[in-house]
């Protein structure tokens, strides 16, 4: 599945639209999800976690 998630990215200090692709093998996001220093407070990262939980 493909999801487009929008929100403010503190890492680049701008609004951002992120593509999240999920399949049986895992997922891929076109942002620094997993290693971003602001991930704990990021609305986009929260949306990614929510979509990943829905797909498990």
PDB file of N, CA and C in Angstrom:
ATOM      1  N   UNK A   1       0.836  -1.169   0.000  1.00  0.00           N
ATOM      2  CA  UNK A   1       0.000   0.000   0.000  1.00  0.00           C
ATOM      3  C   UNK A   1       0.886   1.239   0.000  1.00  0.00           C
ATOM      4  N   UNK A   2       0.360   2.294  -0.539  1.00  0.00           N
ATOM      5  CA  UNK A   2       1.050   3.579  -0.539  1.00  0.00           C
ATOM      6  C   UNK A   2       0.207   4.589   0.221  1.00  0.00           C
ATOM      7  N   UNK A   3       0.868   5.364   1.071  1.00  0.00           N
ATOM      8  CA  UNK A   3       0.206   6.410   1.843  1.00  0.00           C
ATOM      9  C   UNK A   3       0.999   7.700   1.672  1.00  0.00           C
ATOM     10  N   UNK A   4       0.292   8.812   1.554  1.00  0.00           N
ATOM     11  CA  UNK A   4       0.928  10.121   1.542  1.00  0.00           C
ATOM     12  C   UNK A   4       0.558  10.806   2.848  1.00  0.00           C
ATOM     13  N   UNK A   5       1.570  11.157   3.621  1.00  0.00           N
ATOM     14  CA  UNK A   5       1.377  11.761   4.932  1.00  0.00           C
ATOM     15  C   UNK A   5       1.972  13.166   4.904  1.00  0.00           C
ATOM     16  N   UNK A   6       1.222  14.131   5.393  1.00  0.00           N
ATOM     17  CA  UNK A   6       1.675  15.518   5.366  1.00  0.00           C
ATOM     18  C   UNK A   6       1.816  16.059   6.773  1.00  0.00           C
ATOM     19  N   UNK A   7       2.744  16.992   6.935  1.00  0.00           N
ATOM     20  CA  UNK A   7       2.927  17.639   8.223  1.00  0.00           C
ATOM     21  C   UNK A   7       4.183  18.482   8.219  1.00  0.00           C
ATOM     22  N   UNK A   8       4.474  19.036   9.376  1.00  0.00           N
ATOM     23  CA  UNK A   8       5.663  19.868   9.541  1.00  0.00           C
ATOM     24  C   UNK A   8       6.864  18.997   9.875  1.00  0.00           C
ATOM     25  N   UNK A   9       7.951  19.207   9.163  1.00  0.00           N
ATOM     26  CA  UNK A   9       9.204  18.484   9.411  1.00  0.00           C
ATOM     27  C   UNK A   9      10.187  19.435  10.082  1.00  0.00           C
ATOM     28  N   UNK A  10      10.486  19.175  11.325  1.00  0.00           N
ATOM     29  CA  UNK A  10      11.418  20.035  12.067  1.00  0.00           C
ATOM     30  C   UNK A  10      12.844  19.885  11.548  1.00  0.00           C
ATOM     31  N   UNK A  11      13.165  18.720  11.039  1.00  0.00           N
ATOM     32  CA  UNK A  11      14.521  18.471  10.543  1.00  0.00           C
ATOM     33  C   UNK A  11      14.871  19.402   9.380  1.00  0.00           C
ATOM     34  N   UNK A  12      13.914  19.648   8.495  1.00  0.00           N
ATOM     35  CA  UNK A  12      14.163  20.564   7.374  1.00  0.00           C
ATOM     36  C   UNK A  12      13.476  21.909   7.571  1.00  0.00           C
ATOM     37  N   UNK A  13      12.772  22.069   8.696  1.00  0.00           N
ATOM     38  CA  UNK A  13      12.080  23.301   9.068  1.00  0.00           C
ATOM     39  C   UNK A  13      11.125  23.773   7.979  1.00  0.00           C
ATOM     40  N   UNK A  14      10.269  22.859   7.545  1.00  0.00           N
ATOM     41  CA  UNK A  14       9.292  23.163   6.498  1.00  0.00           C
ATOM     42  C   UNK A  14       8.195  22.111   6.515  1.00  0.00           C
ATOM     43  N   UNK A  15       7.092  22.433   5.850  1.00  0.00           N
ATOM     44  CA  UNK A  15       6.063  21.412   5.709  1.00  0.00           C
ATOM     45  C   UNK A  15       6.553  20.373   4.708  1.00  0.00           C
ATOM     46  N   UNK A  16       6.049  19.165   4.866  1.00  0.00           N
ATOM     47  CA  UNK A  16       6.588  18.059   4.080  1.00  0.00           C
ATOM     48  C   UNK A  16       5.501  17.056   3.782  1.00  0.00           C
ATOM     49  N   UNK A  17       5.580  16.432   2.638  1.00  0.00           N
ATOM     50  CA  UNK A  17       4.695  15.317   2.296  1.00  0.00           C
ATOM     51  C   UNK A  17       5.587  14.091   2.131  1.00  0.00           C
ATOM     52  N   UNK A  18       5.266  13.045   2.862  1.00  0.00           N
ATOM     53  CA  UNK A  18       6.096  11.839   2.900  1.00  0.00           C
ATOM     54  C   UNK A  18       5.330  10.686   2.268  1.00  0.00           C
ATOM     55  N   UNK A  19       6.011   9.926   1.443  1.00  0.00           N
ATOM     56  CA  UNK A  19       5.448   8.713   0.857  1.00  0.00           C
ATOM     57  C   UNK A  19       5.867   7.536   1.728  1.00  0.00           C
ATOM     58  N   UNK A  20       4.876   6.783   2.187  1.00  0.00           N
ATOM     59  CA  UNK A  20       5.109   5.569   2.953  1.00  0.00           C
ATOM     60  C   UNK A  20       4.600   4.411   2.128  1.00  0.00           C
ATOM     61  N   UNK A  21       5.482   3.454   1.835  1.00  0.00           N
ATOM     62  CA  UNK A  21       5.111   2.255   1.089  1.00  0.00           C
ATOM     63  C   UNK A  21       5.252   1.054   2.010  1.00  0.00           C
ATOM     64  N   UNK A  22       4.198   0.248   2.081  1.00  0.00           N
ATOM     65  CA  UNK A  22       4.226  -0.957   2.913  1.00  0.00           C
ATOM     66  C   UNK A  22       3.923  -2.175   2.056  1.00  0.00           C
ATOM     67  N   UNK A  23       4.534  -3.287   2.426  1.00  0.00           N
ATOM     68  CA  UNK A  23       4.242  -4.574   1.791  1.00  0.00           C
ATOM     69  C   UNK A  23       4.574  -5.682   2.776  1.00  0.00           C
ATOM     70  N   UNK A  24       4.511  -6.908   2.332  1.00  0.00           N
ATOM     71  CA  UNK A  24       4.758  -8.046   3.227  1.00  0.00           C
ATOM     72  C   UNK A  24       6.180  -8.049   3.785  1.00  0.00           C
ATOM     73  N   UNK A  25       7.122  -7.519   3.027  1.00  0.00           N
ATOM     74  CA  UNK A  25       8.527  -7.533   3.442  1.00  0.00           C
ATOM     75  C   UNK A  25       8.868  -6.422   4.430  1.00  0.00           C
ATOM     76  N   UNK A  26       8.016  -5.415   4.566  1.00  0.00           N
ATOM     77  CA  UNK A  26       8.311  -4.316   5.474  1.00  0.00           C
ATOM     78  C   UNK A  26       7.743  -3.009   4.970  1.00  0.00           C
ATOM     79  N   UNK A  27       8.506  -1.946   5.154  1.00  0.00           N
ATOM     80  CA  UNK A  27       8.043  -0.629   4.747  1.00  0.00           C
ATOM     81  C   UNK A  27       9.228   0.230   4.320  1.00  0.00           C
ATOM     82  N   UNK A  28       8.901   1.306   3.607  1.00  0.00           N
ATOM     83  CA  UNK A  28       9.902   2.288   3.207  1.00  0.00           C
ATOM     84  C   UNK A  28       9.242   3.658   3.246  1.00  0.00           C
ATOM     85  N   UNK A  29       9.894   4.608   3.881  1.00  0.00           N
ATOM     86  CA  UNK A  29       9.414   5.988   3.949  1.00  0.00           C
ATOM     87  C   UNK A  29      10.483   6.886   3.348  1.00  0.00           C
ATOM     88  N   UNK A  30      10.054   7.890   2.592  1.00  0.00           N
ATOM     89  CA  UNK A  30      11.041   8.762   1.953  1.00  0.00           C
ATOM     90  C   UNK A  30      11.417   9.956   2.837  1.00  0.00           C
ATOM     91  N   UNK A  31      11.587   9.668   4.124  1.00  0.00           N
ATOM     92  CA  UNK A  31      12.117  10.649   5.066  1.00  0.00           C
ATOM     93  C   UNK A  31      13.098   9.900   5.972  1.00  0.00           C
ATOM     94  N   UNK A  32      13.579  10.544   6.998  1.00  0.00           N
ATOM     95  CA  UNK A  32      14.568   9.916   7.883  1.00  0.00           C
ATOM     96  C   UNK A  32      13.931   9.128   9.018  1.00  0.00           C
ATOM     97  N   UNK A  33      12.734   8.585   8.786  1.00  0.00           N
ATOM     98  CA  UNK A  33      12.059   7.816   9.831  1.00  0.00           C
ATOM     99  C   UNK A  33      12.967   6.679  10.292  1.00  0.00           C
ATOM    100  N   UNK A  34      13.119   6.582  11.594  1.00  0.00           N
ATOM    101  CA  UNK A  34      13.982   5.548  12.168  1.00  0.00           C
ATOM    102  C   UNK A  34      15.298   6.101  12.662  1.00  0.00           C
ATOM    103  N   UNK A  35      15.728   7.246  12.126  1.00  0.00           N
ATOM    104  CA  UNK A  35      16.990   7.835  12.585  1.00  0.00           C
ATOM    105  C   UNK A  35      16.919   9.356  12.729  1.00  0.00           C
ATOM    106  N   UNK A  36      15.729   9.918  12.623  1.00  0.00           N
ATOM    107  CA  UNK A  36      15.564  11.367  12.749  1.00  0.00           C
ATOM    108  C   UNK A  36      15.674  11.781  14.220  1.00  0.00           C
ATOM    109  N   UNK A  37      16.422  12.822  14.537  1.00  0.00           N
ATOM    110  CA  UNK A  37      16.552  13.237  15.939  1.00  0.00           C
ATOM    111  C   UNK A  37      15.262  13.817  16.512  1.00  0.00           C
ATOM    112  N   UNK A  38      14.307  14.201  15.674  1.00  0.00           N
ATOM    113  CA  UNK A  38      13.046  14.788  16.133  1.00  0.00           C
ATOM    114  C   UNK A  38      11.874  13.814  16.038  1.00  0.00           C
ATOM    115  N   UNK A  39      12.152  12.567  15.798  1.00  0.00           N
ATOM    116  CA  UNK A  39      11.110  11.568  15.558  1.00  0.00           C
ATOM    117  C   UNK A  39      10.112  11.450  16.704  1.00  0.00           C
ATOM    118  N   UNK A  40      10.557  11.590  17.929  1.00  0.00           N
ATOM    119  CA  UNK A  40       9.658  11.415  19.080  1.00  0.00           C
ATOM    120  C   UNK A  40       8.587  12.498  19.141  1.00  0.00           C
ATOM    121  N   UNK A  41       8.831  13.657  18.538  1.00  0.00           N
ATOM    122  CA  UNK A  41       7.851  14.746  18.568  1.00  0.00           C
ATOM    123  C   UNK A  41       7.280  15.060  17.182  1.00  0.00           C
ATOM    124  N   UNK A  42       7.564  14.237  16.219  1.00  0.00           N
ATOM    125  CA  UNK A  42       7.167  14.481  14.831  1.00  0.00           C
ATOM    126  C   UNK A  42       5.769  13.937  14.550  1.00  0.00           C
ATOM    127  N   UNK A  43       4.904  14.780  13.985  1.00  0.00           N
ATOM    128  CA  UNK A  43       3.545  14.363  13.643  1.00  0.00           C
ATOM    129  C   UNK A  43       3.550  13.382  12.469  1.00  0.00           C
ATOM    130  N   UNK A  44       4.476  13.549  11.550  1.00  0.00           N
ATOM    131  CA  UNK A  44       4.571  12.618  10.423  1.00  0.00           C
ATOM    132  C   UNK A  44       5.004  11.241  10.928  1.00  0.00           C
ATOM    133  N   UNK A  45       5.984  11.200  11.824  1.00  0.00           N
ATOM    134  CA  UNK A  45       6.438   9.923  12.388  1.00  0.00           C
ATOM    135  C   UNK A  45       5.303   9.241  13.148  1.00  0.00           C
ATOM    136  N   UNK A  46       4.485  10.015  13.849  1.00  0.00           N
ATOM    137  CA  UNK A  46       3.340   9.449  14.555  1.00  0.00           C
ATOM    138  C   UNK A  46       2.354   8.829  13.565  1.00  0.00           C
ATOM    139  N   UNK A  47       2.138   9.496  12.444  1.00  0.00           N
ATOM    140  CA  UNK A  47       1.242   8.961  11.410  1.00  0.00           C
ATOM    141  C   UNK A  47       1.829   7.697  10.784  1.00  0.00           C
ATOM    142  N   UNK A  48       3.140   7.656  10.606  1.00  0.00           N
ATOM    143  CA  UNK A  48       3.799   6.460  10.069  1.00  0.00           C
ATOM    144  C   UNK A  48       3.601   5.293  11.031  1.00  0.00           C
ATOM    145  N   UNK A  49       3.844   5.525  12.324  1.00  0.00           N
ATOM    146  CA  UNK A  49       3.650   4.465  13.316  1.00  0.00           C
ATOM    147  C   UNK A  49       2.206   3.967  13.311  1.00  0.00           C
ATOM    148  N   UNK A  50       1.252   4.882  13.186  1.00  0.00           N
ATOM    149  CA  UNK A  50      -0.158   4.501  13.153  1.00  0.00           C
ATOM    150  C   UNK A  50      -0.469   3.621  11.943  1.00  0.00           C
ATOM    151  N   UNK A  51       0.028   3.990  10.785  1.00  0.00           N
ATOM    152  CA  UNK A  51      -0.216   3.191   9.575  1.00  0.00           C
ATOM    153  C   UNK A  51       0.444   1.823   9.691  1.00  0.00           C
ATOM    154  N   UNK A  52       1.641   1.774  10.254  1.00  0.00           N
ATOM    155  CA  UNK A  52       2.330   0.491  10.422  1.00  0.00           C
ATOM    156  C   UNK A  52       1.584  -0.413  11.387  1.00  0.00           C
ATOM    157  N   UNK A  53       1.021   0.154  12.441  1.00  0.00           N
ATOM    158  CA  UNK A  53       0.236  -0.643  13.397  1.00  0.00           C
ATOM    159  C   UNK A  53      -1.032  -1.168  12.747  1.00  0.00           C
ATOM    160  N   UNK A  54      -1.659  -0.363  11.891  1.00  0.00           N
ATOM    161  CA  UNK A  54      -2.868  -0.795  11.203  1.00  0.00           C
ATOM    162  C   UNK A  54      -2.599  -1.986  10.287  1.00  0.00           C
ATOM    163  N   UNK A  55      -1.394  -2.044   9.720  1.00  0.00           N
ATOM    164  CA  UNK A  55      -1.055  -3.084   8.740  1.00  0.00           C
ATOM    165  C   UNK A  55      -0.494  -4.352   9.368  1.00  0.00           C
ATOM    166  N   UNK A  56      -0.376  -4.408  10.689  1.00  0.00           N
ATOM    167  CA  UNK A  56       0.159  -5.623  11.314  1.00  0.00           C
ATOM    168  C   UNK A  56      -0.926  -6.501  11.855  1.00  0.00           C
TER     169      UNK A  56
END
